[in-house]
Amino acid sequence: QVQLVESGGGLVQPGGSLRLSCAASGSWFSINAMGWYRQAPGKQRELVAAISSGGLTTYADSVKGRFTISRDNAKNTVYLQMNSLKPEDTAVYYCNAHISAAYGDYDRAHWGQGTQVTVSS
């Protein structure tokens, strides 16, 4: 019913920038909060940034001041602008969205397939 597709990952040098995009497709009643998580090898998945349907944002301390999350509700898309990238930002980045399938339903978490971000000299 719902698919989340990420794009924009790749290899970048320390100090560089990348912009990730995640577009939702399918059918639903509403998309609520959206966010980005990441998982590095040997580590647990962690929240990077999240944004509410009204535009309220939150960030992990490790990325504050460097990353910016935004969304375009008309395009059903969430973005993550990543600046001043560091090697420790290397991870698979996953898009997350809380989506209500029908009016009155609790929203459910949906996940994208992930996109690799590698920060290396």
N, C-alpha and C. Protein backbone atom coordinates (compact mmCIF):
# COMPACT_ATOMS: atom_id res chain seq x y z
N GLN A 1 0.82 -1.21 0.00
CA GLN A 1 0.00 0.00 0.00
C GLN A 1 0.85 1.26 0.00
N VAL A 2 1.91 1.26 0.81
CA VAL A 2 2.77 2.43 0.93
C VAL A 2 4.21 2.01 0.68
N GLN A 3 4.89 2.80 -0.11
CA GLN A 3 6.29 2.58 -0.38
C GLN A 3 7.07 3.86 -0.12
N LEU A 4 8.22 3.73 0.51
CA LEU A 4 9.12 4.85 0.74
C LEU A 4 10.41 4.56 0.00
N VAL A 5 10.82 5.48 -0.84
CA VAL A 5 12.01 5.29 -1.66
C VAL A 5 12.99 6.42 -1.38
N GLU A 6 14.17 6.06 -0.89
CA GLU A 6 15.21 7.03 -0.60
C GLU A 6 16.13 7.20 -1.80
N SER A 7 16.73 8.37 -1.89
CA SER A 7 17.73 8.64 -2.91
C SER A 7 18.68 9.71 -2.40
N GLY A 8 19.83 9.82 -3.05
CA GLY A 8 20.77 10.88 -2.73
C GLY A 8 22.01 10.45 -1.98
N GLY A 9 22.08 9.20 -1.57
CA GLY A 9 23.26 8.74 -0.88
C GLY A 9 24.45 8.61 -1.81
N GLY A 10 25.61 8.40 -1.22
CA GLY A 10 26.81 8.24 -2.02
C GLY A 10 28.06 8.42 -1.21
N LEU A 11 29.16 8.57 -1.91
CA LEU A 11 30.47 8.76 -1.30
C LEU A 11 30.83 10.24 -1.34
N VAL A 12 31.25 10.76 -0.21
CA VAL A 12 31.62 12.17 -0.12
C VAL A 12 32.82 12.31 0.81
N GLN A 13 33.64 13.32 0.56
CA GLN A 13 34.79 13.57 1.40
C GLN A 13 34.38 14.31 2.68
N PRO A 14 35.16 14.16 3.74
CA PRO A 14 34.87 14.91 4.95
C PRO A 14 34.73 16.40 4.66
N GLY A 15 33.72 17.02 5.27
CA GLY A 15 33.43 18.41 5.02
C GLY A 15 32.46 18.65 3.88
N GLY A 16 32.16 17.62 3.14
CA GLY A 16 31.26 17.74 2.01
C GLY A 16 29.80 17.69 2.42
N SER A 17 28.94 17.72 1.41
CA SER A 17 27.50 17.76 1.64
C SER A 17 26.78 16.74 0.77
N LEU A 18 25.65 16.28 1.28
CA LEU A 18 24.74 15.43 0.53
C LEU A 18 23.32 15.81 0.90
N ARG A 19 22.41 15.59 -0.02
CA ARG A 19 21.00 15.84 0.24
C ARG A 19 20.22 14.55 -0.04
N LEU A 20 19.62 14.00 0.99
CA LEU A 20 18.82 12.80 0.86
C LEU A 20 17.35 13.16 0.65
N SER A 21 16.68 12.36 -0.15
CA SER A 21 15.26 12.53 -0.39
C SER A 21 14.54 11.22 -0.14
N CYS A 22 13.31 11.30 0.31
CA CYS A 22 12.48 10.13 0.52
C CYS A 22 11.07 10.47 0.09
N ALA A 23 10.59 9.77 -0.91
CA ALA A 23 9.26 10.01 -1.45
C ALA A 23 8.33 8.85 -1.14
N ALA A 24 7.15 9.17 -0.65
CA ALA A 24 6.14 8.16 -0.37
C ALA A 24 5.20 8.01 -1.55
N SER A 25 4.83 6.79 -1.83
CA SER A 25 3.86 6.52 -2.88
C SER A 25 2.92 5.42 -2.42
N GLY A 26 1.77 5.33 -3.07
CA GLY A 26 0.77 4.35 -2.69
C GLY A 26 -0.51 5.04 -2.29
N SER A 27 -1.18 4.47 -1.31
CA SER A 27 -2.43 5.06 -0.84
C SER A 27 -2.46 5.10 0.68
N TRP A 28 -3.06 6.14 1.22
CA TRP A 28 -3.15 6.33 2.66
C TRP A 28 -4.13 7.45 2.93
N PHE A 29 -4.45 7.60 4.21
CA PHE A 29 -5.30 8.72 4.58
C PHE A 29 -4.45 9.95 4.90
N SER A 30 -3.41 9.76 5.70
CA SER A 30 -2.56 10.89 6.06
C SER A 30 -1.16 10.42 6.43
N ILE A 31 -0.20 11.27 6.17
CA ILE A 31 1.17 11.06 6.61
C ILE A 31 1.42 12.00 7.78
N ASN A 32 1.84 11.44 8.88
CA ASN A 32 2.08 12.24 10.08
C ASN A 32 3.57 12.55 10.19
N ALA A 33 4.22 12.15 11.27
CA ALA A 33 5.63 12.46 11.41
C ALA A 33 6.47 11.68 10.40
N MET A 34 7.56 12.29 9.96
CA MET A 34 8.53 11.64 9.09
C MET A 34 9.91 11.86 9.68
N GLY A 35 10.84 10.99 9.35
CA GLY A 35 12.16 11.14 9.91
C GLY A 35 13.21 10.33 9.19
N TRP A 36 14.42 10.51 9.66
CA TRP A 36 15.57 9.78 9.15
C TRP A 36 16.29 9.09 10.30
N TYR A 37 16.62 7.83 10.09
CA TYR A 37 17.42 7.05 11.01
C TYR A 37 18.68 6.60 10.28
N ARG A 38 19.67 6.20 11.04
CA ARG A 38 20.86 5.65 10.41
C ARG A 38 21.40 4.50 11.24
N GLN A 39 22.10 3.62 10.57
CA GLN A 39 22.72 2.49 11.23
C GLN A 39 24.10 2.26 10.64
N ALA A 40 25.10 2.38 11.48
CA ALA A 40 26.48 2.13 11.08
C ALA A 40 26.82 0.67 11.38
N PRO A 41 27.81 0.11 10.69
CA PRO A 41 28.21 -1.27 10.95
C PRO A 41 28.55 -1.50 12.41
N GLY A 42 27.98 -2.54 12.99
CA GLY A 42 28.25 -2.87 14.37
C GLY A 42 27.55 -2.01 15.40
N LYS A 43 26.70 -1.10 14.95
CA LYS A 43 25.99 -0.22 15.87
C LYS A 43 24.49 -0.35 15.68
N GLN A 44 23.76 0.11 16.68
CA GLN A 44 22.31 0.08 16.61
C GLN A 44 21.78 1.26 15.81
N ARG A 45 20.59 1.08 15.28
CA ARG A 45 19.93 2.15 14.55
C ARG A 45 19.61 3.31 15.48
N GLU A 46 19.83 4.52 15.00
CA GLU A 46 19.58 5.70 15.81
C GLU A 46 18.80 6.74 15.02
N LEU A 47 18.03 7.51 15.74
CA LEU A 47 17.30 8.61 15.13
C LEU A 47 18.27 9.73 14.79
N VAL A 48 18.19 10.22 13.57
CA VAL A 48 19.00 11.35 13.13
C VAL A 48 18.20 12.64 13.23
N ALA A 49 17.02 12.65 12.65
CA ALA A 49 16.17 13.83 12.64
C ALA A 49 14.74 13.42 12.37
N ALA A 50 13.81 14.20 12.86
CA ALA A 50 12.39 13.94 12.63
C ALA A 50 11.67 15.26 12.45
N ILE A 51 10.54 15.19 11.75
CA ILE A 51 9.75 16.39 11.51
C ILE A 51 8.27 16.02 11.58
N SER A 52 7.51 16.82 12.28
CA SER A 52 6.08 16.58 12.42
C SER A 52 5.35 17.07 11.18
N SER A 53 4.07 16.74 11.12
CA SER A 53 3.26 17.19 9.99
C SER A 53 3.18 18.71 9.92
N GLY A 54 3.34 19.36 11.07
CA GLY A 54 3.30 20.82 11.13
C GLY A 54 4.65 21.49 10.98
N GLY A 55 5.72 20.70 10.83
CA GLY A 55 7.03 21.27 10.60
C GLY A 55 7.92 21.37 11.83
N LEU A 56 7.49 20.87 12.97
CA LEU A 56 8.33 20.86 14.16
C LEU A 56 9.43 19.83 14.00
N THR A 57 10.67 20.20 14.28
CA THR A 57 11.81 19.32 14.03
C THR A 57 12.55 18.97 15.31
N THR A 58 13.24 17.84 15.26
CA THR A 58 14.13 17.43 16.32
C THR A 58 15.34 16.76 15.69
N TYR A 59 16.50 16.87 16.35
CA TYR A 59 17.74 16.34 15.82
C TYR A 59 18.53 15.62 16.89
N ALA A 60 19.29 14.63 16.47
CA ALA A 60 20.27 14.03 17.35
C ALA A 60 21.34 15.06 17.66
N ASP A 61 21.88 15.03 18.87
CA ASP A 61 22.90 16.00 19.26
C ASP A 61 24.10 15.97 18.31
N SER A 62 24.43 14.81 17.81
CA SER A 62 25.60 14.66 16.97
C SER A 62 25.49 15.36 15.62
N VAL A 63 24.28 15.71 15.20
CA VAL A 63 24.11 16.33 13.89
C VAL A 63 23.56 17.74 13.96
N LYS A 64 23.25 18.22 15.15
CA LYS A 64 22.71 19.57 15.28
C LYS A 64 23.67 20.61 14.71
N GLY A 65 23.12 21.52 13.95
CA GLY A 65 23.92 22.55 13.32
C GLY A 65 24.51 22.15 12.00
N ARG A 66 24.47 20.87 11.67
CA ARG A 66 25.03 20.39 10.40
C ARG A 66 23.97 19.84 9.46
N PHE A 67 22.96 19.19 10.02
CA PHE A 67 21.90 18.58 9.21
C PHE A 67 20.61 19.39 9.35
N THR A 68 19.82 19.39 8.29
CA THR A 68 18.53 20.04 8.30
C THR A 68 17.49 19.13 7.67
N ILE A 69 16.41 18.86 8.39
CA ILE A 69 15.33 18.06 7.85
C ILE A 69 14.21 18.99 7.40
N SER A 70 13.57 18.64 6.31
CA SER A 70 12.45 19.41 5.79
C SER A 70 11.50 18.47 5.08
N ARG A 71 10.32 18.97 4.77
CA ARG A 71 9.35 18.14 4.06
C ARG A 71 8.52 19.00 3.12
N ASP A 72 8.06 18.36 2.08
CA ASP A 72 7.16 18.98 1.12
C ASP A 72 5.91 18.10 1.10
N ASN A 73 4.89 18.54 1.79
CA ASN A 73 3.69 17.72 1.92
C ASN A 73 2.97 17.51 0.59
N ALA A 74 3.06 18.49 -0.30
CA ALA A 74 2.43 18.35 -1.60
C ALA A 74 3.09 17.25 -2.42
N LYS A 75 4.37 17.01 -2.18
CA LYS A 75 5.10 15.97 -2.90
C LYS A 75 5.27 14.69 -2.08
N ASN A 76 4.74 14.68 -0.86
CA ASN A 76 4.87 13.53 0.03
C ASN A 76 6.33 13.12 0.19
N THR A 77 7.17 14.10 0.38
CA THR A 77 8.61 13.88 0.39
C THR A 77 9.25 14.55 1.60
N VAL A 78 10.21 13.85 2.19
CA VAL A 78 11.02 14.39 3.27
C VAL A 78 12.46 14.43 2.80
N TYR A 79 13.19 15.46 3.24
CA TYR A 79 14.56 15.67 2.82
C TYR A 79 15.47 15.73 4.04
N LEU A 80 16.72 15.41 3.82
CA LEU A 80 17.74 15.60 4.83
C LEU A 80 18.96 16.23 4.17
N GLN A 81 19.18 17.50 4.45
CA GLN A 81 20.36 18.19 3.95
C GLN A 81 21.48 17.97 4.96
N MET A 82 22.57 17.39 4.51
CA MET A 82 23.69 17.04 5.37
C MET A 82 24.91 17.84 4.94
N ASN A 83 25.36 18.72 5.81
CA ASN A 83 26.53 19.54 5.55
C ASN A 83 27.64 19.20 6.54
N SER A 84 28.84 19.62 6.21
CA SER A 84 30.00 19.40 7.08
C SER A 84 30.09 17.95 7.53
N LEU A 85 29.98 17.05 6.58
CA LEU A 85 29.94 15.64 6.90
C LEU A 85 31.26 15.15 7.49
N LYS A 86 31.13 14.23 8.42
CA LYS A 86 32.26 13.64 9.12
C LYS A 86 32.30 12.14 8.86
N PRO A 87 33.46 11.51 8.99
CA PRO A 87 33.53 10.06 8.80
C PRO A 87 32.55 9.30 9.69
N GLU A 88 32.30 9.79 10.89
CA GLU A 88 31.38 9.12 11.78
C GLU A 88 29.93 9.20 11.34
N ASP A 89 29.64 9.98 10.30
CA ASP A 89 28.30 10.01 9.72
C ASP A 89 28.07 8.84 8.77
N THR A 90 29.10 8.09 8.47
CA THR A 90 28.98 6.96 7.56
C THR A 90 28.00 5.93 8.12
N ALA A 91 27.00 5.60 7.33
CA ALA A 91 25.95 4.68 7.77
C ALA A 91 24.97 4.46 6.62
N VAL A 92 24.09 3.51 6.82
CA VAL A 92 22.93 3.39 5.96
C VAL A 92 21.84 4.25 6.56
N TYR A 93 21.28 5.14 5.77
CA TYR A 93 20.25 6.05 6.23
C TYR A 93 18.89 5.56 5.77
N TYR A 94 17.97 5.47 6.72
CA TYR A 94 16.63 4.96 6.45
C TYR A 94 15.58 6.04 6.66
N CYS A 95 14.69 6.12 5.72
CA CYS A 95 13.54 7.01 5.83
C CYS A 95 12.45 6.32 6.64
N ASN A 96 11.78 7.09 7.46
CA ASN A 96 10.68 6.59 8.27
C ASN A 96 9.49 7.53 8.14
N ALA A 97 8.30 6.95 8.10
CA ALA A 97 7.09 7.76 8.07
C ALA A 97 5.99 7.07 8.84
N HIS A 98 5.28 7.85 9.63
CA HIS A 98 4.11 7.34 10.34
C HIS A 98 2.88 7.71 9.53
N ILE A 99 2.16 6.68 9.10
CA ILE A 99 1.08 6.86 8.14
C ILE A 99 -0.20 6.21 8.64
N SER A 100 -1.29 6.95 8.54
CA SER A 100 -2.61 6.42 8.85
C SER A 100 -3.25 5.93 7.56
N ALA A 101 -3.67 4.67 7.54
CA ALA A 101 -4.25 4.09 6.34
C ALA A 101 -5.68 4.57 6.09
N ALA A 102 -6.38 4.89 7.15
CA ALA A 102 -7.77 5.33 7.03
C ALA A 102 -8.09 6.28 8.16
N TYR A 103 -9.12 7.05 7.96
CA TYR A 103 -9.55 7.98 8.99
C TYR A 103 -9.86 7.25 10.28
N GLY A 104 -9.31 7.76 11.39
CA GLY A 104 -9.54 7.17 12.69
C GLY A 104 -8.55 6.09 13.08
N ASP A 105 -7.75 5.60 12.16
CA ASP A 105 -6.75 4.58 12.48
C ASP A 105 -5.54 5.19 13.15
N TYR A 106 -4.91 4.41 14.04
CA TYR A 106 -3.61 4.80 14.54
C TYR A 106 -2.61 4.75 13.40
N ASP A 107 -1.65 5.66 13.43
CA ASP A 107 -0.66 5.60 12.37
C ASP A 107 0.31 4.44 12.61
N ARG A 108 0.93 4.00 11.52
CA ARG A 108 1.87 2.89 11.56
C ARG A 108 3.18 3.33 10.95
N ALA A 109 4.25 2.78 11.47
CA ALA A 109 5.57 3.13 10.97
C ALA A 109 5.87 2.39 9.67
N HIS A 110 6.38 3.12 8.70
CA HIS A 110 6.84 2.55 7.44
C HIS A 110 8.30 2.92 7.24
N TRP A 111 9.02 2.05 6.58
CA TRP A 111 10.45 2.23 6.39
C TRP A 111 10.85 2.11 4.93
N GLY A 112 11.80 2.92 4.53
CA GLY A 112 12.40 2.76 3.23
C GLY A 112 13.46 1.68 3.25
N GLN A 113 14.05 1.41 2.11
CA GLN A 113 15.05 0.35 1.99
C GLN A 113 16.44 0.79 2.45
N GLY A 114 16.65 2.07 2.56
CA GLY A 114 17.93 2.60 3.01
C GLY A 114 18.81 3.05 1.86
N THR A 115 19.63 4.04 2.15
CA THR A 115 20.60 4.52 1.19
C THR A 115 21.94 4.71 1.90
N GLN A 116 23.00 4.25 1.26
CA GLN A 116 24.32 4.29 1.88
C GLN A 116 24.94 5.67 1.77
N VAL A 117 25.44 6.16 2.89
CA VAL A 117 26.22 7.39 2.93
C VAL A 117 27.60 7.03 3.47
N THR A 118 28.62 7.31 2.69
CA THR A 118 29.99 7.03 3.09
C THR A 118 30.79 8.31 3.06
N VAL A 119 31.39 8.66 4.18
CA VAL A 119 32.21 9.86 4.29
C VAL A 119 33.65 9.41 4.51
N SER A 120 34.48 9.63 3.51
CA SER A 120 35.84 9.12 3.56
C SER A 120 36.75 9.95 2.65
N SER A 121 38.01 10.06 3.06
CA SER A 121 38.99 10.79 2.27
C SER A 121 39.42 9.97 1.06
